[in-house]
């Protein structure tokens, strides 16, 4: 079943001074099946962040459509967008986006509090997630009292607690050491195997090699994709590395 459809997406920004137009996305087409784990890669300035912001309904396309579970996000009114994000999307950010004045538990509960859930139900929902992510014993601590890896696991718990249709991860391993990054990627694999759809933007070849499909963006377009199929992580790592090398060579050739 197709969960997300991105059709002929185009985004043009007009600079504040001088009125110059910048084409961030020119023609982006792809779809995501329910249960897929997709990585999006591309050089800085290729349009990855713009695409992620549009998928998250934080920005609107100049033209084209994003359809998530039958809903066209650009057609929603402003007051409907918060509910749309809360009901459909979970977010994992590079810098965790945790509030230092809240305990980890309260940070995780925040999206449920905003949707008006009762504490007993929130607690019941959190328990199995906290056990899976191995953060049960640190839930009462504050973000500044725990490691980067523990902060990111709390952020993953916050993303999962609303039972979202799609988890959007923006460079989720970017602020982690290699051990914490490997642990997080294994968690993503487990979560995906249990049916959670994940779309991750990353510069890390190691992170992307855990995905089932890798989309490469160049000059605002999806220009290539790799399917993992029966490949191991190491084999996909090599394929990704080769593709990025070709991309860089083509970039030099066009300058």
Protein backbone atom coordinates (compact mmCIF):
# COMPACT_ATOMS: atom_id res chain seq x y z
CA UNK A 1 0.00 0.00 0.00
CA UNK A 2 1.33 3.42 -0.98
CA UNK A 3 1.57 5.59 2.13
CA UNK A 4 3.26 8.68 0.68
CA UNK A 5 3.17 10.06 -2.86
CA UNK A 6 5.31 12.99 -3.95
CA UNK A 7 4.22 14.26 -7.35
CA UNK A 8 6.07 16.74 -9.56
CA UNK A 9 7.22 18.75 -6.54
CA UNK A 10 8.72 22.15 -7.26
CA UNK A 11 9.91 24.82 -4.83
CA UNK A 12 11.14 28.28 -5.74
CA UNK A 13 12.38 30.71 -3.10
CA UNK A 14 12.54 34.44 -3.69
CA UNK A 15 15.41 36.11 -1.85
CA UNK A 16 14.51 38.95 0.47
CA UNK A 17 16.92 41.43 -1.10
CA UNK A 18 17.05 41.81 -4.86
CA UNK A 19 14.15 39.48 -5.55
CA UNK A 20 16.32 36.75 -7.05
CA UNK A 21 14.67 33.38 -7.44
CA UNK A 22 16.32 30.18 -6.21
CA UNK A 23 15.08 26.85 -7.56
CA UNK A 24 15.41 24.44 -4.62
CA UNK A 25 13.33 21.57 -6.02
CA UNK A 26 12.56 21.27 -9.73
CA UNK A 27 10.73 17.99 -10.33
CA UNK A 28 10.64 15.50 -7.48
CA UNK A 29 8.62 12.34 -7.95
CA UNK A 30 8.67 9.28 -5.72
CA UNK A 31 6.39 7.17 -3.55
CA UNK A 32 6.83 5.36 -0.25
CA UNK A 33 5.12 2.09 0.52
CA UNK A 34 3.86 1.42 4.05
CA UNK A 35 6.62 -0.32 6.02
CA UNK A 36 9.51 0.95 3.88
CA UNK A 37 12.77 2.33 5.29
CA UNK A 38 14.15 4.95 2.89
CA UNK A 39 17.28 7.08 3.08
CA UNK A 40 17.64 10.31 1.10
CA UNK A 41 21.16 11.44 0.22
CA UNK A 42 22.69 14.31 -1.72
CA UNK A 43 25.29 17.02 -1.43
CA UNK A 44 24.68 20.21 0.55
CA UNK A 45 22.36 22.44 -1.44
CA UNK A 46 20.82 19.55 -3.36
CA UNK A 47 17.35 20.17 -1.90
CA UNK A 48 17.20 17.50 0.85
CA UNK A 49 16.28 19.87 3.67
CA UNK A 50 13.71 21.69 1.53
CA UNK A 51 12.13 18.34 0.63
CA UNK A 52 12.04 17.26 4.28
CA UNK A 53 10.42 20.53 5.35
CA UNK A 54 7.70 20.12 2.71
CA UNK A 55 7.08 16.49 3.70
CA UNK A 56 6.79 17.67 7.32
CA UNK A 57 4.21 20.31 6.25
CA UNK A 58 6.54 23.01 7.61
CA UNK A 59 6.80 24.53 4.13
CA UNK A 60 4.54 24.48 1.07
CA UNK A 61 5.62 23.61 -2.46
CA UNK A 62 5.42 26.14 -5.27
CA UNK A 63 3.70 23.43 -7.29
CA UNK A 64 3.13 19.70 -7.10
CA UNK A 65 1.60 17.58 -4.34
CA UNK A 66 2.49 15.64 -1.22
CA UNK A 67 -0.17 13.05 -0.46
CA UNK A 68 0.14 11.19 2.86
CA UNK A 69 -2.43 8.48 3.53
CA UNK A 70 -4.85 10.17 1.14
CA UNK A 71 -4.42 13.71 2.51
CA UNK A 72 -2.89 16.49 0.38
CA UNK A 73 -0.91 18.55 2.89
CA UNK A 74 -0.81 21.75 0.81
CA UNK A 75 -4.61 21.88 0.80
CA UNK A 76 -4.88 21.93 4.57
CA UNK A 77 -5.66 25.15 6.41
CA UNK A 78 -3.15 26.53 8.91
CA UNK A 79 -5.20 25.42 11.92
CA UNK A 80 -5.35 21.89 10.49
CA UNK A 81 -1.60 21.50 9.94
CA UNK A 82 -0.64 21.01 13.60
CA UNK A 83 -3.17 18.20 13.95
CA UNK A 84 -1.99 16.74 10.63
CA UNK A 85 1.63 16.63 11.83
CA UNK A 86 0.67 15.31 15.27
CA UNK A 87 -1.59 12.57 13.91
CA UNK A 88 0.59 11.39 11.02
CA UNK A 89 4.25 12.25 11.59
CA UNK A 90 7.01 11.53 14.08
CA UNK A 91 10.21 13.60 14.02
CA UNK A 92 13.81 12.77 14.95
CA UNK A 93 16.31 15.64 14.64
CA UNK A 94 20.10 15.82 14.62
CA UNK A 95 20.15 18.14 17.65
CA UNK A 96 17.45 16.16 19.54
CA UNK A 97 15.12 19.20 20.07
CA UNK A 98 14.52 18.29 23.72
CA UNK A 99 13.47 20.93 26.25
CA UNK A 100 16.08 21.20 29.03
CA UNK A 101 13.48 22.32 31.58
CA UNK A 102 11.48 19.08 31.06
CA UNK A 103 12.47 15.60 32.17
CA UNK A 104 12.96 13.05 29.40
CA UNK A 105 9.56 11.58 30.28
CA UNK A 106 7.83 14.95 29.98
CA UNK A 107 9.61 15.61 26.67
CA UNK A 108 8.32 12.28 25.34
CA UNK A 109 4.81 12.95 26.64
CA UNK A 110 4.61 16.43 25.08
CA UNK A 111 2.86 15.48 21.79
CA UNK A 112 0.32 13.41 23.74
CA UNK A 113 -0.31 16.26 26.19
CA UNK A 114 -0.95 18.57 23.23
CA UNK A 115 -3.50 16.09 21.88
CA UNK A 116 -5.29 15.97 25.26
CA UNK A 117 -4.51 12.40 26.37
CA UNK A 118 -4.87 11.38 30.01
CA UNK A 119 -1.75 10.62 32.04
CA UNK A 120 -2.70 6.99 32.67
CA UNK A 121 -3.00 6.31 28.94
CA UNK A 122 0.26 8.15 28.22
CA UNK A 123 2.08 6.08 30.85
CA UNK A 124 0.67 2.86 29.41
CA UNK A 125 1.76 3.84 25.90
CA UNK A 126 5.28 4.82 27.02
CA UNK A 127 6.20 1.68 28.99
CA UNK A 128 6.82 -0.74 26.07
CA UNK A 129 8.56 1.96 24.01
CA UNK A 130 10.88 2.89 26.89
CA UNK A 131 11.74 -0.76 27.43
CA UNK A 132 12.51 -1.29 23.74
CA UNK A 133 14.76 1.80 23.65
CA UNK A 134 16.34 0.95 27.03
CA UNK A 135 15.59 4.32 28.62
CA UNK A 136 13.23 3.21 31.43
CA UNK A 137 15.82 3.97 34.12
CA UNK A 138 16.56 7.52 32.90
CA UNK A 139 13.05 8.84 32.23
CA UNK A 140 13.12 11.14 35.28
CA UNK A 141 16.46 12.66 34.29
CA UNK A 142 16.81 15.90 32.35
CA UNK A 143 18.44 16.17 28.91
CA UNK A 144 21.59 17.81 30.30
CA UNK A 145 22.08 14.84 32.65
CA UNK A 146 22.34 12.14 29.97
CA UNK A 147 24.54 11.29 26.98
CA UNK A 148 23.89 12.20 23.35
CA UNK A 149 22.87 8.64 22.56
CA UNK A 150 20.39 8.60 25.44
CA UNK A 151 18.97 11.96 24.34
CA UNK A 152 18.46 10.64 20.82
CA UNK A 153 16.72 7.51 22.11
CA UNK A 154 14.39 9.75 24.11
CA UNK A 155 13.76 11.74 20.93
CA UNK A 156 12.95 8.50 19.08
CA UNK A 157 10.52 7.59 21.88
CA UNK A 158 8.83 10.98 21.47
CA UNK A 159 8.54 10.34 17.71
CA UNK A 160 7.05 6.87 18.21
CA UNK A 161 4.66 7.56 21.08
CA UNK A 162 2.00 9.06 18.80
CA UNK A 163 2.10 5.88 16.67
CA UNK A 164 2.78 7.93 13.53
CA UNK A 165 2.22 6.70 10.01
CA UNK A 166 5.64 8.05 9.01
CA UNK A 167 8.82 8.86 10.97
CA UNK A 168 10.92 11.64 9.42
CA UNK A 169 14.54 11.59 10.60
CA UNK A 170 16.87 14.49 9.81
CA UNK A 171 20.54 13.45 10.17
CA UNK A 172 19.65 11.35 13.26
CA UNK A 173 23.23 10.11 13.78
CA UNK A 174 24.91 13.45 13.03
CA UNK A 175 25.56 14.43 16.67
CA UNK A 176 26.40 10.92 17.93
CA UNK A 177 29.68 9.04 18.36
CA UNK A 178 30.07 5.87 16.30
CA UNK A 179 28.94 3.51 19.07
CA UNK A 180 25.76 5.49 19.82
CA UNK A 181 25.11 5.89 16.08
CA UNK A 182 25.37 2.13 15.48
CA UNK A 183 23.01 1.48 18.40
CA UNK A 184 20.46 3.96 17.06
CA UNK A 185 20.61 2.45 13.57
CA UNK A 186 20.00 -1.02 14.97
CA UNK A 187 16.96 0.40 16.80
CA UNK A 188 15.69 1.90 13.55
CA UNK A 189 16.06 -1.51 11.91
CA UNK A 190 14.05 -3.16 14.71
CA UNK A 191 11.35 -0.48 14.60
CA UNK A 192 11.11 -0.80 10.82
CA UNK A 193 10.90 -4.61 11.00
CA UNK A 194 7.89 -4.16 13.29
CA UNK A 195 6.15 -2.18 10.55
CA UNK A 196 7.12 1.46 11.14
CA UNK A 197 7.70 3.45 7.94
CA UNK A 198 10.87 5.57 8.14
CA UNK A 199 12.23 8.27 5.82
CA UNK A 200 15.70 9.48 6.79
CA UNK A 201 17.78 12.32 5.36
CA UNK A 202 21.47 11.68 5.96
CA UNK A 203 25.01 12.46 4.82
CA UNK A 204 26.23 9.24 6.42
CA UNK A 205 26.84 6.33 4.07
CA UNK A 206 26.84 4.02 7.10
CA UNK A 207 23.40 5.25 8.17
CA UNK A 208 21.99 5.01 4.63
CA UNK A 209 23.30 1.44 4.24
CA UNK A 210 20.79 0.32 6.88
CA UNK A 211 17.83 1.46 4.74
CA UNK A 212 15.92 -0.70 2.28
CA UNK A 213 16.09 1.94 -0.45
CA UNK A 214 18.29 4.97 -1.03
CA UNK A 215 17.19 7.99 -3.07
CA UNK A 216 19.85 10.36 -4.38
CA UNK A 217 18.94 14.02 -4.95
CA UNK A 218 20.95 16.27 -7.23
CA UNK A 219 20.07 19.78 -8.36
CA UNK A 220 16.58 19.50 -6.90
CA UNK A 221 15.67 16.19 -8.55
CA UNK A 222 15.72 12.51 -7.64
CA UNK A 223 18.30 11.33 -10.17
CA UNK A 224 19.00 7.77 -8.97
CA UNK A 225 17.90 5.16 -6.45
CA UNK A 226 19.28 1.92 -5.03
CA UNK A 227 17.25 -0.98 -3.66
CA UNK A 228 18.92 -3.06 -0.97
CA UNK A 229 17.19 -6.30 -1.88
CA UNK A 230 19.39 -9.21 -0.78
CA UNK A 231 22.48 -7.02 -0.27
CA UNK A 232 24.15 -6.83 3.12
CA UNK A 233 24.74 -3.46 4.80
CA UNK A 234 28.39 -3.64 3.69
CA UNK A 235 27.44 -4.34 0.08
CA UNK A 236 24.95 -1.48 0.03
CA UNK A 237 27.60 0.74 1.65
CA UNK A 238 29.88 0.07 -1.33
CA UNK A 239 27.09 0.75 -3.86
CA UNK A 240 26.21 4.04 -2.15
CA UNK A 241 29.86 5.07 -2.04
CA UNK A 242 30.27 4.32 -5.77
CA UNK A 243 27.13 6.30 -6.62
CA UNK A 244 28.27 9.34 -4.62
CA UNK A 245 31.67 9.20 -6.35
CA UNK A 246 29.95 9.30 -9.76
CA UNK A 247 27.75 12.16 -8.56
CA UNK A 248 30.78 14.18 -7.47
CA UNK A 249 32.58 13.52 -10.79
CA UNK A 250 29.55 14.68 -12.77
CA UNK A 251 29.39 17.79 -10.59
CA UNK A 252 33.02 18.62 -11.38
CA UNK A 253 32.40 17.97 -15.08
CA UNK A 254 29.58 20.52 -15.20
CA UNK A 255 31.47 23.33 -13.52
